[in-house]
Amino acid sequence: MKLFWYKIKNFFSKLPDRFKKTSIKAVYDSDLMNLVESLGIKDSIETGSYLCKFCATPITFENLQAIQKDGGELKFICSRLECFSKI
């Protein structure tokens, strides 16, 4: 019986190492315009100048799902499930 509890304790002690911690920052829809204006990218999004990181669909306010910072560069993800599920 001691061996069983030892294995259980050992298993649970390693759980935190198995999960990767991430930090997610979220913005309400009502604050999105303020965010893109502060980043200086409002006009580019309105004209569809940015492309989705995964499928190269032009990003607009209608399909903008996420913005990632990747090596100092902004990357955009569209609202297609196939793309959004990759982040």
N, C-alpha and C. Protein backbone atom coordinates (compact mmCIF):
# COMPACT_ATOMS: atom_id res chain seq x y z
N MET A 1 0.82 -1.19 0.00
CA MET A 1 0.00 0.00 0.00
C MET A 1 0.87 1.26 0.00
N LYS A 2 2.01 1.23 0.68
CA LYS A 2 2.90 2.39 0.71
C LYS A 2 3.43 2.71 -0.68
N LEU A 3 3.72 1.70 -1.47
CA LEU A 3 4.22 1.91 -2.82
C LEU A 3 3.17 2.63 -3.67
N PHE A 4 1.91 2.27 -3.50
CA PHE A 4 0.83 2.92 -4.24
C PHE A 4 0.80 4.42 -3.92
N TRP A 5 0.81 4.79 -2.65
CA TRP A 5 0.76 6.20 -2.26
C TRP A 5 2.02 6.94 -2.68
N TYR A 6 3.13 6.26 -2.68
CA TYR A 6 4.36 6.88 -3.15
C TYR A 6 4.25 7.24 -4.63
N LYS A 7 3.72 6.33 -5.43
CA LYS A 7 3.55 6.58 -6.86
C LYS A 7 2.58 7.73 -7.11
N ILE A 8 1.50 7.76 -6.33
CA ILE A 8 0.52 8.84 -6.47
C ILE A 8 1.17 10.18 -6.11
N LYS A 9 1.88 10.23 -5.01
CA LYS A 9 2.55 11.46 -4.58
C LYS A 9 3.58 11.90 -5.62
N ASN A 10 4.34 10.96 -6.13
CA ASN A 10 5.36 11.25 -7.13
C ASN A 10 4.71 11.78 -8.42
N PHE A 11 3.61 11.19 -8.83
CA PHE A 11 2.90 11.63 -10.03
C PHE A 11 2.44 13.08 -9.88
N PHE A 12 1.79 13.40 -8.77
CA PHE A 12 1.27 14.74 -8.57
C PHE A 12 2.36 15.77 -8.34
N SER A 13 3.48 15.37 -7.81
CA SER A 13 4.56 16.32 -7.60
C SER A 13 5.18 16.77 -8.92
N LYS A 14 5.05 15.97 -9.96
CA LYS A 14 5.60 16.32 -11.27
C LYS A 14 4.62 17.05 -12.18
N LEU A 15 3.36 17.17 -11.78
CA LEU A 15 2.36 17.82 -12.62
C LEU A 15 2.71 19.25 -13.02
N PRO A 16 3.13 20.11 -12.09
CA PRO A 16 3.43 21.49 -12.52
C PRO A 16 4.49 21.57 -13.62
N ASP A 17 5.42 20.62 -13.66
CA ASP A 17 6.45 20.63 -14.69
C ASP A 17 5.91 20.22 -16.05
N ARG A 18 4.77 19.56 -16.07
CA ARG A 18 4.22 19.06 -17.33
C ARG A 18 3.41 20.11 -18.08
N PHE A 19 3.03 21.17 -17.41
CA PHE A 19 2.21 22.19 -18.02
C PHE A 19 3.03 23.45 -18.26
N LYS A 20 2.87 24.01 -19.43
CA LYS A 20 3.57 25.23 -19.79
C LYS A 20 2.72 26.42 -19.33
N LYS A 21 3.32 27.34 -18.61
CA LYS A 21 2.60 28.53 -18.18
C LYS A 21 2.61 29.56 -19.30
N THR A 22 1.47 30.16 -19.55
CA THR A 22 1.37 31.22 -20.52
C THR A 22 0.58 32.37 -19.92
N SER A 23 0.83 33.52 -20.44
CA SER A 23 0.11 34.71 -20.00
C SER A 23 -0.72 35.20 -21.18
N ILE A 24 -1.99 35.39 -20.95
CA ILE A 24 -2.88 35.84 -22.01
C ILE A 24 -3.44 37.20 -21.60
N LYS A 25 -3.26 38.16 -22.48
CA LYS A 25 -3.84 39.47 -22.25
C LYS A 25 -5.04 39.60 -23.17
N ALA A 26 -6.15 40.04 -22.62
CA ALA A 26 -7.38 40.15 -23.39
C ALA A 26 -7.84 41.60 -23.44
N VAL A 27 -8.58 41.90 -24.49
CA VAL A 27 -9.12 43.24 -24.68
C VAL A 27 -10.61 43.08 -24.99
N TYR A 28 -11.42 43.87 -24.34
CA TYR A 28 -12.85 43.88 -24.66
C TYR A 28 -13.05 44.46 -26.05
N ASP A 29 -14.12 44.02 -26.72
CA ASP A 29 -14.44 44.56 -28.05
C ASP A 29 -14.54 46.08 -28.01
N SER A 30 -15.10 46.59 -26.93
CA SER A 30 -15.29 48.05 -26.82
C SER A 30 -13.95 48.79 -26.72
N ASP A 31 -12.88 48.11 -26.32
CA ASP A 31 -11.57 48.74 -26.19
C ASP A 31 -10.64 48.45 -27.37
N LEU A 32 -11.10 47.65 -28.31
CA LEU A 32 -10.24 47.25 -29.43
C LEU A 32 -9.79 48.45 -30.25
N MET A 33 -10.70 49.37 -30.53
CA MET A 33 -10.34 50.53 -31.34
C MET A 33 -9.25 51.36 -30.66
N ASN A 34 -9.36 51.52 -29.33
CA ASN A 34 -8.32 52.26 -28.61
C ASN A 34 -6.97 51.56 -28.70
N LEU A 35 -6.98 50.23 -28.63
CA LEU A 35 -5.73 49.46 -28.71
C LEU A 35 -5.06 49.64 -30.07
N VAL A 36 -5.82 49.44 -31.14
CA VAL A 36 -5.20 49.52 -32.47
C VAL A 36 -4.77 50.95 -32.80
N GLU A 37 -5.51 51.94 -32.28
CA GLU A 37 -5.08 53.33 -32.46
C GLU A 37 -3.77 53.60 -31.73
N SER A 38 -3.66 53.06 -30.50
CA SER A 38 -2.43 53.28 -29.73
C SER A 38 -1.23 52.57 -30.37
N LEU A 39 -1.49 51.49 -31.07
CA LEU A 39 -0.41 50.78 -31.78
C LEU A 39 -0.12 51.39 -33.14
N GLY A 40 -0.98 52.31 -33.59
CA GLY A 40 -0.78 52.95 -34.89
C GLY A 40 -1.09 52.06 -36.07
N ILE A 41 -2.00 51.10 -35.90
CA ILE A 41 -2.29 50.15 -36.98
C ILE A 41 -3.75 50.20 -37.44
N LYS A 42 -4.51 51.19 -36.98
CA LYS A 42 -5.93 51.27 -37.31
C LYS A 42 -6.17 51.34 -38.83
N ASP A 43 -5.48 52.24 -39.51
CA ASP A 43 -5.68 52.40 -40.96
C ASP A 43 -5.31 51.13 -41.72
N SER A 44 -4.25 50.48 -41.30
CA SER A 44 -3.81 49.26 -41.98
C SER A 44 -4.83 48.13 -41.81
N ILE A 45 -5.47 48.06 -40.65
CA ILE A 45 -6.49 47.03 -40.44
C ILE A 45 -7.73 47.36 -41.25
N GLU A 46 -8.11 48.63 -41.29
CA GLU A 46 -9.28 49.03 -42.07
C GLU A 46 -9.12 48.71 -43.54
N THR A 47 -7.90 48.79 -44.06
CA THR A 47 -7.66 48.52 -45.48
C THR A 47 -7.28 47.07 -45.76
N GLY A 48 -7.13 46.26 -44.71
CA GLY A 48 -6.78 44.85 -44.91
C GLY A 48 -5.33 44.64 -45.29
N SER A 49 -4.46 45.53 -44.84
CA SER A 49 -3.03 45.45 -45.19
C SER A 49 -2.30 44.31 -44.49
N TYR A 50 -2.77 43.93 -43.30
CA TYR A 50 -2.13 42.84 -42.57
C TYR A 50 -2.76 41.51 -42.97
N LEU A 51 -1.96 40.46 -42.92
CA LEU A 51 -2.44 39.13 -43.29
C LEU A 51 -2.39 38.21 -42.08
N CYS A 52 -3.29 37.23 -42.07
CA CYS A 52 -3.30 36.22 -41.01
C CYS A 52 -1.98 35.46 -41.02
N LYS A 53 -1.44 35.23 -39.86
CA LYS A 53 -0.17 34.52 -39.70
C LYS A 53 -0.23 33.11 -40.29
N PHE A 54 -1.41 32.48 -40.26
CA PHE A 54 -1.52 31.09 -40.67
C PHE A 54 -2.09 30.87 -42.07
N CYS A 55 -3.05 31.69 -42.48
CA CYS A 55 -3.71 31.42 -43.78
C CYS A 55 -3.57 32.55 -44.78
N ALA A 56 -2.95 33.65 -44.38
CA ALA A 56 -2.71 34.81 -45.26
C ALA A 56 -3.99 35.52 -45.70
N THR A 57 -5.08 35.34 -44.97
CA THR A 57 -6.30 36.09 -45.23
C THR A 57 -6.08 37.53 -44.76
N PRO A 58 -6.51 38.52 -45.55
CA PRO A 58 -6.39 39.90 -45.09
C PRO A 58 -7.16 40.12 -43.78
N ILE A 59 -6.53 40.79 -42.84
CA ILE A 59 -7.13 41.04 -41.53
C ILE A 59 -7.91 42.35 -41.56
N THR A 60 -9.17 42.26 -41.12
CA THR A 60 -10.02 43.44 -40.98
C THR A 60 -10.61 43.41 -39.56
N PHE A 61 -11.35 44.44 -39.20
CA PHE A 61 -11.97 44.44 -37.88
C PHE A 61 -13.02 43.34 -37.75
N GLU A 62 -13.58 42.90 -38.86
CA GLU A 62 -14.60 41.86 -38.83
C GLU A 62 -14.02 40.47 -38.53
N ASN A 63 -12.77 40.23 -38.92
CA ASN A 63 -12.20 38.89 -38.71
C ASN A 63 -10.97 38.86 -37.81
N LEU A 64 -10.63 39.97 -37.18
CA LEU A 64 -9.48 40.01 -36.27
C LEU A 64 -9.81 39.24 -35.00
N GLN A 65 -9.06 38.19 -34.74
CA GLN A 65 -9.29 37.37 -33.55
C GLN A 65 -8.21 37.56 -32.51
N ALA A 66 -6.95 37.71 -32.95
CA ALA A 66 -5.85 37.82 -31.99
C ALA A 66 -4.68 38.57 -32.61
N ILE A 67 -3.91 39.20 -31.72
CA ILE A 67 -2.67 39.86 -32.11
C ILE A 67 -1.58 39.28 -31.22
N GLN A 68 -0.50 38.82 -31.84
CA GLN A 68 0.63 38.26 -31.10
C GLN A 68 1.87 39.10 -31.37
N LYS A 69 2.72 39.18 -30.37
CA LYS A 69 4.01 39.81 -30.57
C LYS A 69 5.02 38.69 -30.76
N ASP A 70 5.69 38.69 -31.90
CA ASP A 70 6.62 37.62 -32.24
C ASP A 70 7.95 38.25 -32.63
N GLY A 71 8.91 38.21 -31.71
CA GLY A 71 10.23 38.78 -32.00
C GLY A 71 10.19 40.28 -32.25
N GLY A 72 9.33 40.99 -31.54
CA GLY A 72 9.22 42.42 -31.73
C GLY A 72 8.31 42.83 -32.87
N GLU A 73 7.76 41.88 -33.57
CA GLU A 73 6.88 42.14 -34.71
C GLU A 73 5.47 41.67 -34.36
N LEU A 74 4.46 42.43 -34.78
CA LEU A 74 3.08 42.05 -34.54
C LEU A 74 2.62 41.05 -35.58
N LYS A 75 1.99 39.99 -35.13
CA LYS A 75 1.40 38.97 -36.00
C LYS A 75 -0.10 38.93 -35.72
N PHE A 76 -0.89 38.75 -36.74
CA PHE A 76 -2.34 38.79 -36.62
C PHE A 76 -2.92 37.42 -36.95
N ILE A 77 -3.99 37.06 -36.24
CA ILE A 77 -4.65 35.79 -36.46
C ILE A 77 -6.12 36.08 -36.75
N CYS A 78 -6.63 35.47 -37.80
CA CYS A 78 -8.03 35.69 -38.19
C CYS A 78 -8.95 34.80 -37.35
N SER A 79 -10.24 34.98 -37.55
CA SER A 79 -11.23 34.28 -36.74
C SER A 79 -11.59 32.89 -37.25
N ARG A 80 -10.95 32.41 -38.30
CA ARG A 80 -11.20 31.05 -38.76
C ARG A 80 -10.76 30.08 -37.68
N LEU A 81 -11.58 29.09 -37.38
CA LEU A 81 -11.29 28.13 -36.33
C LEU A 81 -9.95 27.44 -36.56
N GLU A 82 -9.63 27.14 -37.81
CA GLU A 82 -8.37 26.44 -38.12
C GLU A 82 -7.16 27.29 -37.73
N CYS A 83 -7.29 28.60 -37.85
CA CYS A 83 -6.18 29.49 -37.51
C CYS A 83 -6.15 29.78 -36.02
N PHE A 84 -7.29 30.12 -35.46
CA PHE A 84 -7.34 30.50 -34.05
C PHE A 84 -6.97 29.35 -33.14
N SER A 85 -7.27 28.15 -33.54
CA SER A 85 -6.96 26.99 -32.68
C SER A 85 -5.46 26.68 -32.64
N LYS A 86 -4.68 27.29 -33.50
CA LYS A 86 -3.23 27.05 -33.52
C LYS A 86 -2.47 27.87 -32.49
N ILE A 87 -3.15 28.85 -31.87
CA ILE A 87 -2.43 29.69 -30.90
C ILE A 87 -2.65 29.21 -29.49
